[in-house]
C-alpha atoms as a PDB file:
ATOM      1  CA  UNK A   1      20.337 -12.042   0.542  1.00  0.00           C
ATOM      2  CA  UNK A   2      16.904 -11.830   2.147  1.00  0.00           C
ATOM      3  CA  UNK A   3      14.731  -8.874   1.189  1.00  0.00           C
ATOM      4  CA  UNK A   4      14.166  -6.327   3.960  1.00  0.00           C
ATOM      5  CA  UNK A   5      10.934  -6.099   5.905  1.00  0.00           C
ATOM      6  CA  UNK A   6       9.331  -2.844   4.866  1.00  0.00           C
ATOM      7  CA  UNK A   7       6.323  -1.289   6.595  1.00  0.00           C
ATOM      8  CA  UNK A   8       4.280   1.297   4.751  1.00  0.00           C
ATOM      9  CA  UNK A   9       1.273   3.202   5.967  1.00  0.00           C
ATOM     10  CA  UNK A  10      -1.370   4.174   3.420  1.00  0.00           C
ATOM     11  CA  UNK A  11      -1.373   7.675   1.987  1.00  0.00           C
ATOM     12  CA  UNK A  12      -3.521  10.470   3.341  1.00  0.00           C
ATOM     13  CA  UNK A  13      -7.228   9.642   3.147  1.00  0.00           C
ATOM     14  CA  UNK A  14     -10.334  11.804   3.127  1.00  0.00           C
ATOM     15  CA  UNK A  15     -10.902  10.515   6.669  1.00  0.00           C
ATOM     16  CA  UNK A  16      -7.520  11.858   7.762  1.00  0.00           C
ATOM     17  CA  UNK A  17      -8.562  15.298   6.506  1.00  0.00           C
ATOM     18  CA  UNK A  18     -12.135  15.079   7.838  1.00  0.00           C
ATOM     19  CA  UNK A  19     -12.496  12.573  10.723  1.00  0.00           C
ATOM     20  CA  UNK A  20     -16.296  13.158  10.751  1.00  0.00           C
ATOM     21  CA  UNK A  21     -16.492  11.047   7.570  1.00  0.00           C
ATOM     22  CA  UNK A  22     -15.891   7.897   9.615  1.00  0.00           C
ATOM     23  CA  UNK A  23     -19.288   8.387  11.271  1.00  0.00           C
ATOM     24  CA  UNK A  24     -21.194   8.697   7.981  1.00  0.00           C
ATOM     25  CA  UNK A  25     -19.160   6.789   5.364  1.00  0.00           C
ATOM     26  CA  UNK A  26     -18.033   3.137   5.633  1.00  0.00           C
ATOM     27  CA  UNK A  27     -14.231   2.797   5.851  1.00  0.00           C
ATOM     28  CA  UNK A  28     -14.002   0.927   2.553  1.00  0.00           C
ATOM     29  CA  UNK A  29     -15.725   3.859   0.796  1.00  0.00           C
ATOM     30  CA  UNK A  30     -13.257   6.485   2.047  1.00  0.00           C
ATOM     31  CA  UNK A  31     -10.789   7.300  -0.683  1.00  0.00           C
ATOM     32  CA  UNK A  32      -7.313   8.737  -0.707  1.00  0.00           C
ATOM     33  CA  UNK A  33      -6.904  12.453  -1.237  1.00  0.00           C
ATOM     34  CA  UNK A  34      -4.859  13.765  -4.149  1.00  0.00           C
ATOM     35  CA  UNK A  35      -1.921  14.024  -1.725  1.00  0.00           C
ATOM     36  CA  UNK A  36      -2.596  10.432  -0.621  1.00  0.00           C
ATOM     37  CA  UNK A  37      -2.469   9.165  -4.207  1.00  0.00           C
ATOM     38  CA  UNK A  38       0.808  11.045  -4.724  1.00  0.00           C
ATOM     39  CA  UNK A  39       2.196   9.559  -1.496  1.00  0.00           C
ATOM     40  CA  UNK A  40       1.196   6.052  -2.636  1.00  0.00           C
ATOM     41  CA  UNK A  41       2.852   6.566  -6.027  1.00  0.00           C
ATOM     42  CA  UNK A  42       6.032   7.817  -4.347  1.00  0.00           C
ATOM     43  CA  UNK A  43       6.051   4.753  -2.065  1.00  0.00           C
ATOM     44  CA  UNK A  44       5.586   2.481  -5.100  1.00  0.00           C
ATOM     45  CA  UNK A  45       8.503   4.140  -6.881  1.00  0.00           C
ATOM     46  CA  UNK A  46      10.796   3.804  -3.847  1.00  0.00           C
ATOM     47  CA  UNK A  47       9.772   0.169  -3.277  1.00  0.00           C
ATOM     48  CA  UNK A  48      10.338  -0.662  -6.931  1.00  0.00           C
ATOM     49  CA  UNK A  49      13.901   0.643  -6.693  1.00  0.00           C
ATOM     50  CA  UNK A  50      14.576  -1.197  -3.413  1.00  0.00           C
ATOM     51  CA  UNK A  51      13.064  -4.499  -4.520  1.00  0.00           C
ATOM     52  CA  UNK A  52      14.666  -4.392  -7.971  1.00  0.00           C
ATOM     53  CA  UNK A  53      17.772  -5.792  -6.276  1.00  0.00           C
ATOM     54  CA  UNK A  54      15.932  -8.978  -5.267  1.00  0.00           C
ATOM     55  CA  UNK A  55      15.090 -11.696  -7.772  1.00  0.00           C
ATOM     56  CA  UNK A  56      11.698 -13.313  -7.925  1.00  0.00           C
ATOM     57  CA  UNK A  57       8.094 -12.704  -8.696  1.00  0.00           C
ATOM     58  CA  UNK A  58       6.591 -10.014  -6.429  1.00  0.00           C
ATOM     59  CA  UNK A  59       3.244 -11.835  -6.422  1.00  0.00           C
ATOM     60  CA  UNK A  60       4.475 -15.360  -5.741  1.00  0.00           C
ATOM     61  CA  UNK A  61       3.835 -15.229  -2.005  1.00  0.00           C
ATOM     62  CA  UNK A  62       0.313 -13.914  -2.516  1.00  0.00           C
ATOM     63  CA  UNK A  63      -0.430 -16.777  -4.903  1.00  0.00           C
ATOM     64  CA  UNK A  64       1.059 -19.283  -2.481  1.00  0.00           C
ATOM     65  CA  UNK A  65      -1.115 -18.028   0.353  1.00  0.00           C
ATOM     66  CA  UNK A  66      -4.288 -17.965  -1.761  1.00  0.00           C
ATOM     67  CA  UNK A  67      -3.840 -21.271  -3.572  1.00  0.00           C
ATOM     68  CA  UNK A  68      -1.671 -23.193  -1.116  1.00  0.00           C
ATOM     69  CA  UNK A  69       0.487 -24.263  -4.085  1.00  0.00           C
END
């Protein structure tokens, strides 16, 4: 059985709460809010349960892409 394709958006960020930040803070410096961290943890928990039904190393594809091996 092939694993499902799952799309996840990041959790709430400080920029979602205050869009003005994007004009004064670089994107990579904008953090998640407390709610955003909780949303990310909830997504991780749900994904862990879904993907527990599929064998394999969750990082194998990342290693394959990076190393080509």
